Amino acid sequence: MTVIAEHRSEPPSAVHHDPPTFDEVYAAHYADLTVQLYAYFGDRQEAQDVVQEAFCRALARWRKVSRYDDPVAWIRRVAWNLAVSRWRRTKTALGFLRRQPVLELHADGPGPDRVALIAALAELPDNHRRALVLHYLADMPVAEVAHREGVAEGTVKSWLHRGRTAMAARLNLTEATGGQP
């Protein structure tokens, strides 16, 4: 007599499931966790940052976290802890700022000479104005202004001379340079 052994499968409760992959958990739960933290923070960007940070921490420990009964619960707890920490830091910083004396910085407006200079510059042709600004305010030599503008150095010298003459007339000054720019 031959006995044929029956092949028994494990009972369904003993079937071993592989732990979920990080990508699966992230795809399935990132949005839900973000909504929960958004409701707490009231700031979607902060909620996204906190949940992202929690997932980053989970990824660094995924071998261990994936074997927990509920890895999402661990990620949720980390996200909530991060949220509370951020809230406390913000509260502390705002309290500190409220205790600081309020210093009102006062900046004087432009003086009459500056207003007159800007108005006079605005009346010049564009090329004369650019030459004056680049040469006198940006401290560019004539050769560099010429290169930047794509013209000869003599042209820039002419623009500077004409610009200074026009500015002197508009500002009721006499040109004191008497020669080279």
Protein backbone atom coordinates (compact mmCIF):
# COMPACT_ATOMS: atom_id res chain seq x y z
CA MET A 1 0.00 0.00 0.00
CA THR A 2 1.32 3.43 -1.01
CA VAL A 3 0.52 6.48 1.00
CA ILE A 4 0.33 9.69 -0.89
CA ALA A 5 1.07 12.63 1.28
CA GLU A 6 -1.27 15.50 0.86
CA HIS A 7 0.27 18.84 0.15
CA ARG A 8 -1.03 21.21 2.74
CA SER A 9 -0.85 24.95 2.35
CA GLU A 10 -0.42 27.22 5.30
CA PRO A 11 -3.58 28.57 6.82
CA PRO A 12 -4.49 32.03 5.50
CA SER A 13 -3.60 33.69 8.79
CA ALA A 14 -0.05 32.37 8.62
CA VAL A 15 0.64 33.62 5.08
CA HIS A 16 3.62 35.94 5.26
CA HIS A 17 3.21 39.17 3.34
CA ASP A 18 6.22 41.15 2.26
CA PRO A 19 6.35 44.56 3.90
CA PRO A 20 5.09 47.38 1.69
CA THR A 21 7.64 49.26 -0.35
CA PHE A 22 8.40 52.85 0.46
CA ASP A 23 7.03 53.95 -2.92
CA GLU A 24 3.74 52.19 -2.26
CA VAL A 25 3.31 53.81 1.13
CA TYR A 26 4.33 57.22 -0.18
CA ALA A 27 1.92 57.05 -3.13
CA ALA A 28 -0.95 55.82 -0.98
CA HIS A 29 -0.59 58.15 2.01
CA TYR A 30 1.29 61.37 1.13
CA ALA A 31 -1.84 63.28 0.08
CA ASP A 32 -3.89 62.15 3.10
CA LEU A 33 -1.17 63.10 5.56
CA THR A 34 -0.71 66.45 3.84
CA VAL A 35 -4.43 67.21 4.16
CA GLN A 36 -4.33 66.35 7.87
CA LEU A 37 -1.35 68.60 8.53
CA TYR A 38 -2.81 71.34 6.33
CA ALA A 39 -5.87 71.36 8.57
CA TYR A 40 -3.53 71.75 11.56
CA PHE A 41 -1.20 74.38 10.11
CA GLY A 42 -3.58 76.25 7.87
CA ASP A 43 -0.63 76.52 5.49
CA ARG A 44 -0.38 74.02 2.65
CA GLN A 45 3.31 74.64 2.00
CA GLU A 46 4.20 74.03 5.65
CA ALA A 47 2.08 70.88 5.67
CA GLN A 48 3.79 69.58 2.54
CA ASP A 49 7.22 70.35 4.02
CA VAL A 50 6.47 68.53 7.27
CA VAL A 51 5.03 65.45 5.56
CA GLN A 52 7.92 65.37 3.12
CA GLU A 53 10.39 65.55 6.01
CA ALA A 54 8.58 62.71 7.79
CA PHE A 55 8.79 60.55 4.67
CA CYS A 56 12.49 61.39 4.30
CA ARG A 57 13.09 60.19 7.84
CA ALA A 58 11.08 57.05 7.16
CA LEU A 59 13.07 56.33 4.01
CA ALA A 60 16.33 56.57 5.95
CA ARG A 61 15.02 53.86 8.33
CA TRP A 62 12.77 51.99 5.89
CA ARG A 63 14.11 48.50 6.69
CA LYS A 64 12.97 48.92 10.27
CA VAL A 65 9.89 51.12 9.71
CA SER A 66 8.47 48.86 6.98
CA ARG A 67 8.32 45.96 9.42
CA TYR A 68 6.14 47.85 11.91
CA ASP A 69 2.52 46.76 12.14
CA ASP A 70 1.53 50.19 10.76
CA PRO A 71 4.40 52.10 9.11
CA VAL A 72 2.01 54.92 8.18
CA ALA A 73 1.26 55.50 11.87
CA TRP A 74 4.99 55.98 12.49
CA ILE A 75 5.24 58.46 9.60
CA ARG A 76 2.11 60.28 10.82
CA ARG A 77 3.55 60.55 14.35
CA VAL A 78 6.83 61.94 13.01
CA ALA A 79 4.96 64.45 10.83
CA TRP A 80 2.82 65.61 13.76
CA ASN A 81 5.88 65.91 16.00
CA LEU A 82 7.62 68.00 13.36
CA ALA A 83 4.50 70.16 12.98
CA VAL A 84 4.28 70.79 16.72
CA SER A 85 8.00 71.59 16.87
CA ARG A 86 7.67 74.09 14.03
CA TRP A 87 4.63 75.64 15.64
CA ARG A 88 6.50 76.02 18.95
CA ARG A 89 9.55 77.52 17.26
CA THR A 90 7.36 79.98 15.38
CA LYS A 91 5.49 80.90 18.55
CA THR A 92 8.78 81.46 20.39
CA ALA A 93 10.20 83.56 17.55
CA LEU A 94 7.06 85.71 17.34
CA GLY A 95 7.12 86.23 21.11
CA PHE A 96 10.73 87.33 20.88
CA LEU A 97 9.94 89.74 18.05
CA ARG A 98 7.01 91.23 19.98
CA ARG A 99 9.31 92.00 22.91
CA GLN A 100 11.77 93.90 20.73
CA PRO A 101 11.55 97.69 20.69
CA VAL A 102 10.06 99.09 17.54
CA LEU A 103 12.59 101.23 15.76
CA GLU A 104 11.19 103.37 13.04
CA LEU A 105 13.87 104.01 10.52
CA HIS A 106 13.45 107.26 8.72
CA ALA A 107 15.06 107.75 5.37
CA ASP A 108 15.14 111.23 4.01
CA GLY A 109 13.84 111.64 0.50
CA PRO A 110 16.09 112.83 -2.24
CA GLY A 111 17.33 116.37 -1.82
CA PRO A 112 16.54 119.14 -4.30
CA ASP A 113 19.93 118.76 -6.01
CA ARG A 114 19.33 115.06 -6.67
CA VAL A 115 15.83 115.71 -7.97
CA ALA A 116 17.19 118.37 -10.31
CA LEU A 117 19.99 116.05 -11.48
CA ILE A 118 17.57 113.20 -12.24
CA ALA A 119 15.20 115.55 -14.06
CA ALA A 120 18.07 116.97 -16.13
CA LEU A 121 19.35 113.50 -17.00
CA ALA A 122 15.85 112.47 -18.10
CA GLU A 123 15.82 115.27 -20.68
CA LEU A 124 19.04 114.13 -22.39
CA PRO A 125 19.09 111.89 -25.45
CA ASP A 126 19.43 108.21 -24.46
CA ASN A 127 23.01 107.79 -25.71
CA HIS A 128 24.25 110.92 -23.86
CA ARG A 129 22.47 109.85 -20.66
CA ARG A 130 23.89 106.30 -20.85
CA ALA A 131 27.40 107.63 -21.46
CA LEU A 132 27.20 110.00 -18.47
CA VAL A 133 25.75 107.39 -16.15
CA LEU A 134 28.20 104.66 -17.16
CA HIS A 135 31.24 106.92 -17.07
CA TYR A 136 30.52 109.00 -13.97
CA LEU A 137 28.23 106.85 -11.85
CA ALA A 138 29.43 103.35 -12.81
CA ASP A 139 33.08 104.51 -13.04
CA MET A 140 33.61 102.93 -16.45
CA PRO A 141 36.51 104.27 -18.52
CA VAL A 142 35.69 105.77 -21.93
CA ALA A 143 37.08 102.68 -23.69
CA GLU A 144 34.78 100.36 -21.75
CA VAL A 145 31.73 102.55 -22.41
CA ALA A 146 32.64 102.56 -26.10
CA HIS A 147 32.96 98.79 -26.16
CA ARG A 148 29.66 98.32 -24.30
CA GLU A 149 27.82 100.70 -26.61
CA GLY A 150 29.54 99.36 -29.75
CA VAL A 151 30.88 102.77 -30.85
CA ALA A 152 34.27 104.46 -31.20
CA GLU A 153 35.90 106.10 -28.17
CA GLY A 154 35.67 109.48 -29.92
CA THR A 155 31.89 109.04 -30.13
CA VAL A 156 31.69 108.41 -26.38
CA LYS A 157 33.86 111.48 -25.71
CA SER A 158 31.51 113.52 -27.89
CA TRP A 159 28.45 112.17 -26.03
CA LEU A 160 30.08 112.97 -22.69
CA HIS A 161 30.95 116.51 -23.78
CA ARG A 162 27.47 117.17 -25.19
CA GLY A 163 25.83 115.56 -22.14
CA ARG A 164 27.89 117.66 -19.70
CA THR A 165 27.14 120.82 -21.67
CA ALA A 166 23.40 120.09 -21.71
CA MET A 167 23.41 119.20 -18.01
CA ALA A 168 25.27 122.41 -17.13
CA ALA A 169 22.72 124.46 -19.06
CA ARG A 170 19.76 122.67 -17.44
CA LEU A 171 21.26 122.99 -13.97
CA ASN A 172 22.45 126.58 -14.56
CA LEU A 173 26.11 125.59 -14.11
CA THR A 174 29.18 126.38 -16.14
CA GLU A 175 31.17 123.42 -17.38
CA ALA A 176 34.36 123.36 -15.34
CA THR A 177 36.04 120.38 -16.96
CA GLY A 178 37.62 122.29 -19.83
CA GLY A 179 38.90 119.24 -21.68
CA GLN A 180 39.08 115.49 -21.61
CA PRO A 181 36.38 113.54 -19.76
